[in-house]
Each structure stands twice: as structure tokens, then as C-alpha cells.
């Protein structure tokens, strides 16, 4: 990675963040709420204004991560959660026309994996799986130092695999706490911090489920490192033991002993990961 200047953009369902990155450092950052219920063009304008606030003539490329399906080749975004007007948006074309430089678009889980690979705990490795644990479960895959998206940007969708009565995502995201126990993950986390026995038991059950998801990733991709991000990753100390106990049933214990599994620690990883799309595109 050289010292080129790029911009990373993180589009969420309610806000947009943009950062100008030089080397390993965010040198300028802007964030704003978006008009989630507004028209497609209004939201596009809000994104352009946020980028413009950190843009200058040294910027060579823009990367943008979105919480949705993406046609990576064409840069078309489909069905963005919480933005009803964004059903089919030619985001790459629009931003390239506005700023006159290459634009790279991908989903947020892939950006997370790239961010950790270039800026976080994944530096120095060649094979990485990044898993976002939030309202859903998404994964990004790095193979031989390059993001692997698959033909339809669907690689890493292990959350959709059937598990027990539902799917991996149901049991390994915030859905598990709401659907099974009627409590939000944030509240459960606070209860666990107070050493509440029931909260700790729920996190044990969660860790057992997540261990199954990680075994799927291990069998499918054989990574050197697995990094957990998203809101539920903050509760790592409360389910790590159960997760590792579940992994004792993994067939290839020699391989498991060589894998690093840890929660993400890198600040502003969503913006950095979006910027890393620019680096990955050069490989």
C-alpha cells in the first residue's frame, strides 16, 4: 500500500460517513444524517456533499461500502435497508460523473474484511475471514491477499445456511437475543457486565451457536485469521469461552491451533474498509 490519497465512504441506513485517507491515517472526516425516507436523488446528493467536504485534487479514487446487494462490476446497488427509494441505484456511474475519478462499490461485510486486512488485525496475513455480527450476520473473504466476492457478490453469506430450526444468522446475530429471549443485545450486554447469571447463560448459548458458524468458515475457507466486528463483537469476553469450547469439535485441531480468532479493535473501520476497496482494485 502506497501513500496515495483515497476516500472511503460508509453508507448506513440512517447516515453517511466519509474519510480522506493518506497511507494509514484518516486526515479528514465528515459524517451526517441522510434523508432515509427521501428520494433516490436526494440521498445521492447528500452522499456527494459529504464526499465533497473531504475531497481535493490529490484524491485518486473513492471506495464506498453499502448495507445491501451490489453488482460489483457495474457498481449498481440494490435494495438498501432503511432507504426505500434505493432499489436499483447506479452509484458508481453517478459518483464517477460527479468527481471524475474511479469509484469502487461493495457491501459492508466485504469492506470490513478489507479494512482489517489493510489497516487492522489482518495486516501481514494472506487468508482472512471478517464476520460482522449485528442485526444480521455478514462475512467478507480475503484469499491470497485479495477480496473474493464470488460471481454475484454472494461469497461469505454463511448466515443464510440452515441451522437448527432457522439459519446461522438467526442464532448468531442480534436476532437471537430478540427472538429467543425478547431482549436487545445492548441491554443484555449491560446485564452481563453486572454479572447477571441469566445474561451470562444467554451469552454462553450464543457462543455455542457462533462456534458453529466459525467452523463453517474454517471448513470452507481455511483462513489464517478470523476477525469479528459489529455490535455483538463488543460482548466477546462473555461468549469467547463457550465459542472456543464448541470449536473443540472441529475435526482439524492442528489447523485450528494456527488460526487467530479475535474481535475487531480498529477505530472507524467501516470508512477505512471502504477506502481499502481502492487498494484491492489495483491487484
C-alpha atoms as a PDB file:
ATOM      1  CA  UNK A   1       0.000   0.000   0.000  1.00  0.00           C
ATOM      2  CA  UNK A   2       1.442   3.322  -1.031  1.00  0.00           C
ATOM      3  CA  UNK A   3       0.869   6.868   0.176  1.00  0.00           C
ATOM      4  CA  UNK A   4      -1.845   7.658  -2.367  1.00  0.00           C
ATOM      5  CA  UNK A   5      -4.816   9.700  -1.208  1.00  0.00           C
ATOM      6  CA  UNK A   6      -8.211   7.979  -1.367  1.00  0.00           C
ATOM      7  CA  UNK A   7     -11.655   8.496   0.126  1.00  0.00           C
ATOM      8  CA  UNK A   8     -13.663   5.853   1.962  1.00  0.00           C
ATOM      9  CA  UNK A   9     -17.429   6.240   2.327  1.00  0.00           C
ATOM     10  CA  UNK A  10     -19.639   4.246   4.689  1.00  0.00           C
ATOM     11  CA  UNK A  11     -23.338   4.430   3.814  1.00  0.00           C
ATOM     12  CA  UNK A  12     -25.654   3.247   6.545  1.00  0.00           C
ATOM     13  CA  UNK A  13     -29.412   3.185   6.727  1.00  0.00           C
ATOM     14  CA  UNK A  14     -29.560   6.499   8.578  1.00  0.00           C
ATOM     15  CA  UNK A  15     -26.233   8.258   7.999  1.00  0.00           C
ATOM     16  CA  UNK A  16     -23.191   8.550   5.760  1.00  0.00           C
ATOM     17  CA  UNK A  17     -19.545   8.949   6.763  1.00  0.00           C
ATOM     18  CA  UNK A  18     -16.615   9.890   4.539  1.00  0.00           C
ATOM     19  CA  UNK A  19     -12.915   9.936   5.321  1.00  0.00           C
ATOM     20  CA  UNK A  20      -9.880  11.025   3.343  1.00  0.00           C
ATOM     21  CA  UNK A  21      -7.057   8.551   3.894  1.00  0.00           C
ATOM     22  CA  UNK A  22      -3.366   9.027   3.240  1.00  0.00           C
ATOM     23  CA  UNK A  23      -1.359   5.891   3.933  1.00  0.00           C
ATOM     24  CA  UNK A  24      -2.617   4.527   7.256  1.00  0.00           C
ATOM     25  CA  UNK A  25      -4.204   7.740   8.510  1.00  0.00           C
ATOM     26  CA  UNK A  26      -7.609   9.385   8.167  1.00  0.00           C
ATOM     27  CA  UNK A  27      -6.654  13.035   7.647  1.00  0.00           C
ATOM     28  CA  UNK A  28     -10.190  14.409   7.221  1.00  0.00           C
ATOM     29  CA  UNK A  29     -13.581  13.016   8.237  1.00  0.00           C
ATOM     30  CA  UNK A  30     -17.218  14.079   7.795  1.00  0.00           C
ATOM     31  CA  UNK A  31     -20.478  12.482   8.892  1.00  0.00           C
ATOM     32  CA  UNK A  32     -24.120  13.451   8.520  1.00  0.00           C
ATOM     33  CA  UNK A  33     -27.621  12.056   8.740  1.00  0.00           C
ATOM     34  CA  UNK A  34     -29.293  11.176   5.459  1.00  0.00           C
ATOM     35  CA  UNK A  35     -32.926  11.547   4.424  1.00  0.00           C
ATOM     36  CA  UNK A  36     -33.677   7.827   4.677  1.00  0.00           C
ATOM     37  CA  UNK A  37     -37.272   8.292   3.511  1.00  0.00           C
ATOM     38  CA  UNK A  38     -36.290  10.733   0.776  1.00  0.00           C
ATOM     39  CA  UNK A  39     -35.952  10.226  -2.949  1.00  0.00           C
ATOM     40  CA  UNK A  40     -33.087   8.404  -4.585  1.00  0.00           C
ATOM     41  CA  UNK A  41     -31.672  11.651  -5.930  1.00  0.00           C
ATOM     42  CA  UNK A  42     -31.883  13.419  -2.570  1.00  0.00           C
ATOM     43  CA  UNK A  43     -29.861  10.704  -0.844  1.00  0.00           C
ATOM     44  CA  UNK A  44     -27.339  10.735  -3.704  1.00  0.00           C
ATOM     45  CA  UNK A  45     -26.940  14.479  -3.284  1.00  0.00           C
ATOM     46  CA  UNK A  46     -26.330  14.085   0.448  1.00  0.00           C
ATOM     47  CA  UNK A  47     -23.641  11.494  -0.266  1.00  0.00           C
ATOM     48  CA  UNK A  48     -21.985  13.739  -2.859  1.00  0.00           C
ATOM     49  CA  UNK A  49     -21.959  16.665  -0.419  1.00  0.00           C
ATOM     50  CA  UNK A  50     -20.355  14.517   2.285  1.00  0.00           C
ATOM     51  CA  UNK A  51     -17.644  13.355  -0.111  1.00  0.00           C
ATOM     52  CA  UNK A  52     -17.088  16.897  -1.371  1.00  0.00           C
ATOM     53  CA  UNK A  53     -16.373  18.024   2.191  1.00  0.00           C
ATOM     54  CA  UNK A  54     -13.200  15.880   2.272  1.00  0.00           C
ATOM     55  CA  UNK A  55     -12.356  15.886  -1.445  1.00  0.00           C
ATOM     56  CA  UNK A  56      -9.399  17.658  -3.086  1.00  0.00           C
ATOM     57  CA  UNK A  57      -7.403  17.252  -6.305  1.00  0.00           C
ATOM     58  CA  UNK A  58      -4.981  14.773  -4.705  1.00  0.00           C
ATOM     59  CA  UNK A  59      -7.697  12.126  -4.270  1.00  0.00           C
ATOM     60  CA  UNK A  60      -7.135   9.337  -6.794  1.00  0.00           C
ATOM     61  CA  UNK A  61     -10.123   7.049  -6.081  1.00  0.00           C
ATOM     62  CA  UNK A  62     -13.231   6.612  -3.942  1.00  0.00           C
ATOM     63  CA  UNK A  63     -14.460   3.427  -2.257  1.00  0.00           C
ATOM     64  CA  UNK A  64     -17.962   3.122  -0.829  1.00  0.00           C
ATOM     65  CA  UNK A  65     -19.483   0.398   1.301  1.00  0.00           C
ATOM     66  CA  UNK A  66     -23.244  -0.164   1.439  1.00  0.00           C
ATOM     67  CA  UNK A  67     -25.507  -2.468   3.508  1.00  0.00           C
ATOM     68  CA  UNK A  68     -27.017  -4.222   0.505  1.00  0.00           C
ATOM     69  CA  UNK A  69     -26.522  -6.372  -2.553  1.00  0.00           C
ATOM     70  CA  UNK A  70     -24.099  -4.931  -5.102  1.00  0.00           C
ATOM     71  CA  UNK A  71     -23.268  -5.578  -8.734  1.00  0.00           C
ATOM     72  CA  UNK A  72     -19.554  -5.040  -8.151  1.00  0.00           C
ATOM     73  CA  UNK A  73     -18.592  -4.808 -11.817  1.00  0.00           C
ATOM     74  CA  UNK A  74     -21.187  -2.162 -12.649  1.00  0.00           C
ATOM     75  CA  UNK A  75     -21.323  -0.540  -9.218  1.00  0.00           C
ATOM     76  CA  UNK A  76     -25.107  -0.877  -9.030  1.00  0.00           C
ATOM     77  CA  UNK A  77     -26.633  -1.008  -5.554  1.00  0.00           C
ATOM     78  CA  UNK A  78     -29.825  -2.979  -4.872  1.00  0.00           C
ATOM     79  CA  UNK A  79     -32.398  -2.756  -2.065  1.00  0.00           C
ATOM     80  CA  UNK A  80     -30.591  -0.778   0.624  1.00  0.00           C
ATOM     81  CA  UNK A  81     -32.043  -1.442   4.069  1.00  0.00           C
ATOM     82  CA  UNK A  82     -33.864   1.548   5.607  1.00  0.00           C
ATOM     83  CA  UNK A  83     -33.697   3.571   2.358  1.00  0.00           C
ATOM     84  CA  UNK A  84     -36.859   2.515   0.478  1.00  0.00           C
ATOM     85  CA  UNK A  85     -36.111   4.615  -2.620  1.00  0.00           C
ATOM     86  CA  UNK A  86     -32.805   2.811  -3.189  1.00  0.00           C
ATOM     87  CA  UNK A  87     -33.949  -0.282  -5.074  1.00  0.00           C
ATOM     88  CA  UNK A  88     -31.568  -0.080  -8.038  1.00  0.00           C
ATOM     89  CA  UNK A  89     -29.021   2.746  -7.949  1.00  0.00           C
ATOM     90  CA  UNK A  90     -26.099   3.152 -10.418  1.00  0.00           C
ATOM     91  CA  UNK A  91     -23.911   4.520  -7.637  1.00  0.00           C
ATOM     92  CA  UNK A  92     -20.544   4.012  -9.326  1.00  0.00           C
ATOM     93  CA  UNK A  93     -21.629   5.800 -12.505  1.00  0.00           C
ATOM     94  CA  UNK A  94     -23.175   8.687 -10.587  1.00  0.00           C
ATOM     95  CA  UNK A  95     -20.143   9.355  -8.390  1.00  0.00           C
ATOM     96  CA  UNK A  96     -17.638   8.933 -11.227  1.00  0.00           C
ATOM     97  CA  UNK A  97     -19.536  11.530 -13.239  1.00  0.00           C
ATOM     98  CA  UNK A  98     -19.523  13.874 -10.235  1.00  0.00           C
ATOM     99  CA  UNK A  99     -15.880  13.551  -9.191  1.00  0.00           C
ATOM    100  CA  UNK A 100     -14.083  12.358 -12.318  1.00  0.00           C
ATOM    101  CA  UNK A 101     -12.092   9.575 -10.652  1.00  0.00           C
ATOM    102  CA  UNK A 102     -12.564   5.785 -10.262  1.00  0.00           C
ATOM    103  CA  UNK A 103     -15.222   4.670  -7.769  1.00  0.00           C
ATOM    104  CA  UNK A 104     -15.448   1.175  -6.246  1.00  0.00           C
ATOM    105  CA  UNK A 105     -18.631  -0.107  -4.588  1.00  0.00           C
ATOM    106  CA  UNK A 106     -19.114  -3.187  -2.418  1.00  0.00           C
ATOM    107  CA  UNK A 107     -21.147  -4.392   0.530  1.00  0.00           C
ATOM    108  CA  UNK A 108     -20.262  -3.512   4.105  1.00  0.00           C
ATOM    109  CA  UNK A 109     -19.125  -7.013   5.155  1.00  0.00           C
ATOM    110  CA  UNK A 110     -16.584  -7.154   2.335  1.00  0.00           C
ATOM    111  CA  UNK A 111     -15.379  -3.681   3.265  1.00  0.00           C
ATOM    112  CA  UNK A 112     -14.973  -4.745   6.884  1.00  0.00           C
ATOM    113  CA  UNK A 113     -12.750  -7.660   5.875  1.00  0.00           C
ATOM    114  CA  UNK A 114     -10.641  -5.430   3.624  1.00  0.00           C
ATOM    115  CA  UNK A 115     -10.356  -2.805   6.333  1.00  0.00           C
ATOM    116  CA  UNK A 116      -8.955  -5.309   8.801  1.00  0.00           C
ATOM    117  CA  UNK A 117      -6.649  -6.713   6.120  1.00  0.00           C
ATOM    118  CA  UNK A 118      -5.100  -3.346   5.257  1.00  0.00           C
ATOM    119  CA  UNK A 119      -5.476  -1.371   8.484  1.00  0.00           C
ATOM    120  CA  UNK A 120      -6.248  -3.720  11.367  1.00  0.00           C
ATOM    121  CA  UNK A 121      -5.534  -7.120  12.860  1.00  0.00           C
ATOM    122  CA  UNK A 122      -5.349  -8.747   9.429  1.00  0.00           C
ATOM    123  CA  UNK A 123      -2.187  -6.951   8.334  1.00  0.00           C
ATOM    124  CA  UNK A 124       0.557  -9.383   7.397  1.00  0.00           C
ATOM    125  CA  UNK A 125      -1.773 -12.275   6.595  1.00  0.00           C
ATOM    126  CA  UNK A 126      -2.919 -13.660   3.238  1.00  0.00           C
ATOM    127  CA  UNK A 127      -6.127 -15.522   4.116  1.00  0.00           C
ATOM    128  CA  UNK A 128      -8.738 -13.792   6.291  1.00  0.00           C
ATOM    129  CA  UNK A 129     -12.411 -14.000   7.165  1.00  0.00           C
ATOM    130  CA  UNK A 130     -14.116 -10.929   8.616  1.00  0.00           C
ATOM    131  CA  UNK A 131     -17.541 -11.507  10.165  1.00  0.00           C
ATOM    132  CA  UNK A 132     -19.937  -8.699  11.098  1.00  0.00           C
ATOM    133  CA  UNK A 133     -22.236  -9.576  13.999  1.00  0.00           C
ATOM    134  CA  UNK A 134     -25.064  -7.058  14.285  1.00  0.00           C
ATOM    135  CA  UNK A 135     -28.716  -7.083  13.318  1.00  0.00           C
ATOM    136  CA  UNK A 136     -27.646  -9.751  10.826  1.00  0.00           C
ATOM    137  CA  UNK A 137     -24.513 -11.721  10.022  1.00  0.00           C
ATOM    138  CA  UNK A 138     -22.303 -10.999   7.035  1.00  0.00           C
ATOM    139  CA  UNK A 139     -18.812 -12.153   6.138  1.00  0.00           C
ATOM    140  CA  UNK A 140     -16.049 -10.925   3.872  1.00  0.00           C
ATOM    141  CA  UNK A 141     -13.410 -13.270   2.489  1.00  0.00           C
ATOM    142  CA  UNK A 142      -9.766 -12.491   1.653  1.00  0.00           C
ATOM    143  CA  UNK A 143      -7.982 -15.228  -0.329  1.00  0.00           C
ATOM    144  CA  UNK A 144      -4.317 -14.886  -1.306  1.00  0.00           C
ATOM    145  CA  UNK A 145      -4.377 -11.240  -0.310  1.00  0.00           C
ATOM    146  CA  UNK A 146      -7.380 -10.249  -2.442  1.00  0.00           C
ATOM    147  CA  UNK A 147     -11.071  -9.845  -1.710  1.00  0.00           C
ATOM    148  CA  UNK A 148     -13.145 -12.750  -3.021  1.00  0.00           C
ATOM    149  CA  UNK A 149     -16.723 -11.701  -3.847  1.00  0.00           C
ATOM    150  CA  UNK A 150     -17.918 -14.610  -5.966  1.00  0.00           C
ATOM    151  CA  UNK A 151     -19.881 -14.190  -9.185  1.00  0.00           C
ATOM    152  CA  UNK A 152     -22.768 -12.253  -7.598  1.00  0.00           C
ATOM    153  CA  UNK A 153     -21.092 -10.669  -4.565  1.00  0.00           C
ATOM    154  CA  UNK A 154     -22.527 -13.510  -2.501  1.00  0.00           C
ATOM    155  CA  UNK A 155     -19.365 -15.180  -1.197  1.00  0.00           C
ATOM    156  CA  UNK A 156     -19.344 -15.264   2.587  1.00  0.00           C
ATOM    157  CA  UNK A 157     -23.120 -15.376   3.070  1.00  0.00           C
ATOM    158  CA  UNK A 158     -22.786 -18.133   5.637  1.00  0.00           C
ATOM    159  CA  UNK A 159     -25.554 -16.516   7.674  1.00  0.00           C
ATOM    160  CA  UNK A 160     -28.114 -17.913   5.208  1.00  0.00           C
ATOM    161  CA  UNK A 161     -27.076 -21.534   5.833  1.00  0.00           C
ATOM    162  CA  UNK A 162     -29.769 -23.611   7.547  1.00  0.00           C
ATOM    163  CA  UNK A 163     -29.057 -24.304  11.225  1.00  0.00           C
ATOM    164  CA  UNK A 164     -31.359 -25.844  13.835  1.00  0.00           C
ATOM    165  CA  UNK A 165     -34.902 -24.535  13.182  1.00  0.00           C
ATOM    166  CA  UNK A 166     -33.789 -21.393  11.325  1.00  0.00           C
ATOM    167  CA  UNK A 167     -30.459 -20.138   9.922  1.00  0.00           C
ATOM    168  CA  UNK A 168     -26.971 -19.345  11.159  1.00  0.00           C
ATOM    169  CA  UNK A 169     -27.856 -15.646  11.062  1.00  0.00           C
ATOM    170  CA  UNK A 170     -30.871 -16.145  13.313  1.00  0.00           C
ATOM    171  CA  UNK A 171     -28.758 -17.782  16.018  1.00  0.00           C
ATOM    172  CA  UNK A 172     -25.538 -15.771  15.595  1.00  0.00           C
ATOM    173  CA  UNK A 173     -26.716 -12.164  15.342  1.00  0.00           C
ATOM    174  CA  UNK A 174     -28.767  -9.767  17.429  1.00  0.00           C
ATOM    175  CA  UNK A 175     -31.838 -11.620  16.189  1.00  0.00           C
ATOM    176  CA  UNK A 176     -31.005 -14.432  18.598  1.00  0.00           C
ATOM    177  CA  UNK A 177     -31.410 -12.236  21.675  1.00  0.00           C
ATOM    178  CA  UNK A 178     -34.618 -10.604  20.459  1.00  0.00           C
ATOM    179  CA  UNK A 179     -36.347 -13.656  19.040  1.00  0.00           C
ATOM    180  CA  UNK A 180     -35.340 -16.239  21.631  1.00  0.00           C
ATOM    181  CA  UNK A 181     -35.258 -14.133  24.786  1.00  0.00           C
ATOM    182  CA  UNK A 182     -37.142 -10.918  23.998  1.00  0.00           C
ATOM    183  CA  UNK A 183     -34.218  -8.649  24.869  1.00  0.00           C
ATOM    184  CA  UNK A 184     -31.970  -6.352  22.871  1.00  0.00           C
ATOM    185  CA  UNK A 185     -28.281  -7.235  22.702  1.00  0.00           C
ATOM    186  CA  UNK A 186     -27.178  -3.919  24.182  1.00  0.00           C
ATOM    187  CA  UNK A 187     -29.293  -4.369  27.290  1.00  0.00           C
ATOM    188  CA  UNK A 188     -28.123  -7.962  27.659  1.00  0.00           C
ATOM    189  CA  UNK A 189     -24.525  -6.781  27.418  1.00  0.00           C
ATOM    190  CA  UNK A 190     -25.058  -4.318  30.264  1.00  0.00           C
ATOM    191  CA  UNK A 191     -26.628  -7.038  32.389  1.00  0.00           C
ATOM    192  CA  UNK A 192     -23.691  -9.347  31.705  1.00  0.00           C
ATOM    193  CA  UNK A 193     -21.316  -6.594  32.793  1.00  0.00           C
ATOM    194  CA  UNK A 194     -23.161  -6.617  36.116  1.00  0.00           C
ATOM    195  CA  UNK A 195     -22.511 -10.378  36.336  1.00  0.00           C
ATOM    196  CA  UNK A 196     -26.178 -11.244  35.865  1.00  0.00           C
ATOM    197  CA  UNK A 197     -26.397 -15.047  35.787  1.00  0.00           C
ATOM    198  CA  UNK A 198     -29.160 -15.254  33.186  1.00  0.00           C
ATOM    199  CA  UNK A 199     -27.408 -12.835  30.849  1.00  0.00           C
ATOM    200  CA  UNK A 200     -24.185 -14.802  31.120  1.00  0.00           C
ATOM    201  CA  UNK A 201     -26.055 -18.025  30.348  1.00  0.00           C
ATOM    202  CA  UNK A 202     -27.611 -16.468  27.231  1.00  0.00           C
ATOM    203  CA  UNK A 203     -24.189 -15.391  26.010  1.00  0.00           C
ATOM    204  CA  UNK A 204     -22.934 -18.939  26.605  1.00  0.00           C
ATOM    205  CA  UNK A 205     -25.690 -20.236  24.333  1.00  0.00           C
ATOM    206  CA  UNK A 206     -24.808 -17.567  21.785  1.00  0.00           C
ATOM    207  CA  UNK A 207     -21.126 -18.542  21.874  1.00  0.00           C
ATOM    208  CA  UNK A 208     -22.023 -22.154  21.209  1.00  0.00           C
ATOM    209  CA  UNK A 209     -24.021 -21.107  18.134  1.00  0.00           C
ATOM    210  CA  UNK A 210     -21.328 -18.762  16.876  1.00  0.00           C
ATOM    211  CA  UNK A 211     -18.784 -21.535  17.235  1.00  0.00           C
ATOM    212  CA  UNK A 212     -20.794 -23.498  14.685  1.00  0.00           C
ATOM    213  CA  UNK A 213     -20.696 -20.533  12.285  1.00  0.00           C
ATOM    214  CA  UNK A 214     -16.939 -20.242  12.675  1.00  0.00           C
ATOM    215  CA  UNK A 215     -16.488 -23.940  11.963  1.00  0.00           C
ATOM    216  CA  UNK A 216     -18.347 -23.444   8.683  1.00  0.00           C
ATOM    217  CA  UNK A 217     -15.951 -20.607   7.814  1.00  0.00           C
ATOM    218  CA  UNK A 218     -12.970 -22.739   8.809  1.00  0.00           C
ATOM    219  CA  UNK A 219     -14.048 -25.691   6.695  1.00  0.00           C
ATOM    220  CA  UNK A 220     -14.933 -23.510   3.707  1.00  0.00           C
ATOM    221  CA  UNK A 221     -12.038 -21.032   3.631  1.00  0.00           C
ATOM    222  CA  UNK A 222      -9.227 -22.320   5.924  1.00  0.00           C
ATOM    223  CA  UNK A 223      -8.163 -18.779   6.958  1.00  0.00           C
ATOM    224  CA  UNK A 224      -5.198 -17.674   8.999  1.00  0.00           C
ATOM    225  CA  UNK A 225      -7.282 -15.200  10.968  1.00  0.00           C
ATOM    226  CA  UNK A 226     -10.977 -14.632  11.733  1.00  0.00           C
ATOM    227  CA  UNK A 227     -11.936 -11.168  12.935  1.00  0.00           C
ATOM    228  CA  UNK A 228     -15.328 -10.414  14.462  1.00  0.00           C
ATOM    229  CA  UNK A 229     -16.880  -6.977  14.056  1.00  0.00           C
ATOM    230  CA  UNK A 230     -20.270  -5.375  14.574  1.00  0.00           C
ATOM    231  CA  UNK A 231     -22.115  -4.501  17.753  1.00  0.00           C
ATOM    232  CA  UNK A 232     -22.238  -8.043  19.158  1.00  0.00           C
ATOM    233  CA  UNK A 233     -18.455  -8.388  18.917  1.00  0.00           C
ATOM    234  CA  UNK A 234     -18.171  -5.986  21.865  1.00  0.00           C
ATOM    235  CA  UNK A 235     -19.559  -8.731  24.110  1.00  0.00           C
ATOM    236  CA  UNK A 236     -16.694 -11.073  23.146  1.00  0.00           C
ATOM    237  CA  UNK A 237     -15.493 -11.641  26.750  1.00  0.00           C
ATOM    238  CA  UNK A 238     -18.909 -13.077  27.651  1.00  0.00           C
ATOM    239  CA  UNK A 239     -19.079 -15.718  24.909  1.00  0.00           C
ATOM    240  CA  UNK A 240     -15.444 -16.440  23.995  1.00  0.00           C
ATOM    241  CA  UNK A 241     -15.157 -19.408  26.351  1.00  0.00           C
ATOM    242  CA  UNK A 242     -18.313 -21.074  25.008  1.00  0.00           C
ATOM    243  CA  UNK A 243     -17.229 -20.429  21.436  1.00  0.00           C
ATOM    244  CA  UNK A 244     -13.819 -21.986  21.950  1.00  0.00           C
ATOM    245  CA  UNK A 245     -15.407 -24.934  23.730  1.00  0.00           C
ATOM    246  CA  UNK A 246     -17.602 -25.507  20.684  1.00  0.00           C
ATOM    247  CA  UNK A 247     -14.534 -25.394  18.445  1.00  0.00           C
ATOM    248  CA  UNK A 248     -13.118 -28.403  20.304  1.00  0.00           C
ATOM    249  CA  UNK A 249     -15.332 -30.484  18.000  1.00  0.00           C
ATOM    250  CA  UNK A 250     -13.625 -29.093  14.888  1.00  0.00           C
ATOM    251  CA  UNK A 251     -12.072 -32.012  13.013  1.00  0.00           C
ATOM    252  CA  UNK A 252      -8.692 -30.465  12.228  1.00  0.00           C
ATOM    253  CA  UNK A 253      -7.376 -29.340  15.591  1.00  0.00           C
ATOM    254  CA  UNK A 254      -3.849 -28.820  14.231  1.00  0.00           C
ATOM    255  CA  UNK A 255      -5.212 -26.289  11.752  1.00  0.00           C
ATOM    256  CA  UNK A 256      -7.406 -24.665  14.405  1.00  0.00           C
ATOM    257  CA  UNK A 257      -4.396 -24.128  16.665  1.00  0.00           C
ATOM    258  CA  UNK A 258      -2.841 -21.979  13.945  1.00  0.00           C
ATOM    259  CA  UNK A 259      -5.897 -19.741  13.464  1.00  0.00           C
ATOM    260  CA  UNK A 260      -6.184 -16.397  15.229  1.00  0.00           C
ATOM    261  CA  UNK A 261      -9.741 -15.543  16.308  1.00  0.00           C
ATOM    262  CA  UNK A 262     -10.367 -12.138  17.845  1.00  0.00           C
ATOM    263  CA  UNK A 263     -12.749  -9.160  17.913  1.00  0.00           C
ATOM    264  CA  UNK A 264     -12.040  -6.043  15.864  1.00  0.00           C
ATOM    265  CA  UNK A 265     -10.296  -3.134  17.575  1.00  0.00           C
ATOM    266  CA  UNK A 266      -9.649  -0.704  14.716  1.00  0.00           C
ATOM    267  CA  UNK A 267     -11.443   2.684  15.015  1.00  0.00           C
ATOM    268  CA  UNK A 268     -13.518   3.890  12.025  1.00  0.00           C
ATOM    269  CA  UNK A 269     -13.062   0.511  10.342  1.00  0.00           C
ATOM    270  CA  UNK A 270     -16.097   0.992   8.085  1.00  0.00           C
ATOM    271  CA  UNK A 271     -14.589   4.085   6.464  1.00  0.00           C
ATOM    272  CA  UNK A 272     -11.127   2.537   6.264  1.00  0.00           C
ATOM    273  CA  UNK A 273     -12.566  -0.634   4.765  1.00  0.00           C
ATOM    274  CA  UNK A 274     -14.392   1.300   2.071  1.00  0.00           C
ATOM    275  CA  UNK A 275     -11.158   3.113   1.216  1.00  0.00           C
ATOM    276  CA  UNK A 276      -9.387  -0.244   1.009  1.00  0.00           C
ATOM    277  CA  UNK A 277     -11.583  -1.128  -1.983  1.00  0.00           C
ATOM    278  CA  UNK A 278      -9.335   1.266  -3.916  1.00  0.00           C
ATOM    279  CA  UNK A 279      -6.219  -0.706  -2.954  1.00  0.00           C
ATOM    280  CA  UNK A 280      -7.804  -4.077  -3.685  1.00  0.00           C
ATOM    281  CA  UNK A 281      -8.855  -2.912  -7.144  1.00  0.00           C
ATOM    282  CA  UNK A 282      -5.204  -2.365  -8.058  1.00  0.00           C
ATOM    283  CA  UNK A 283      -4.263  -6.033  -7.514  1.00  0.00           C
END
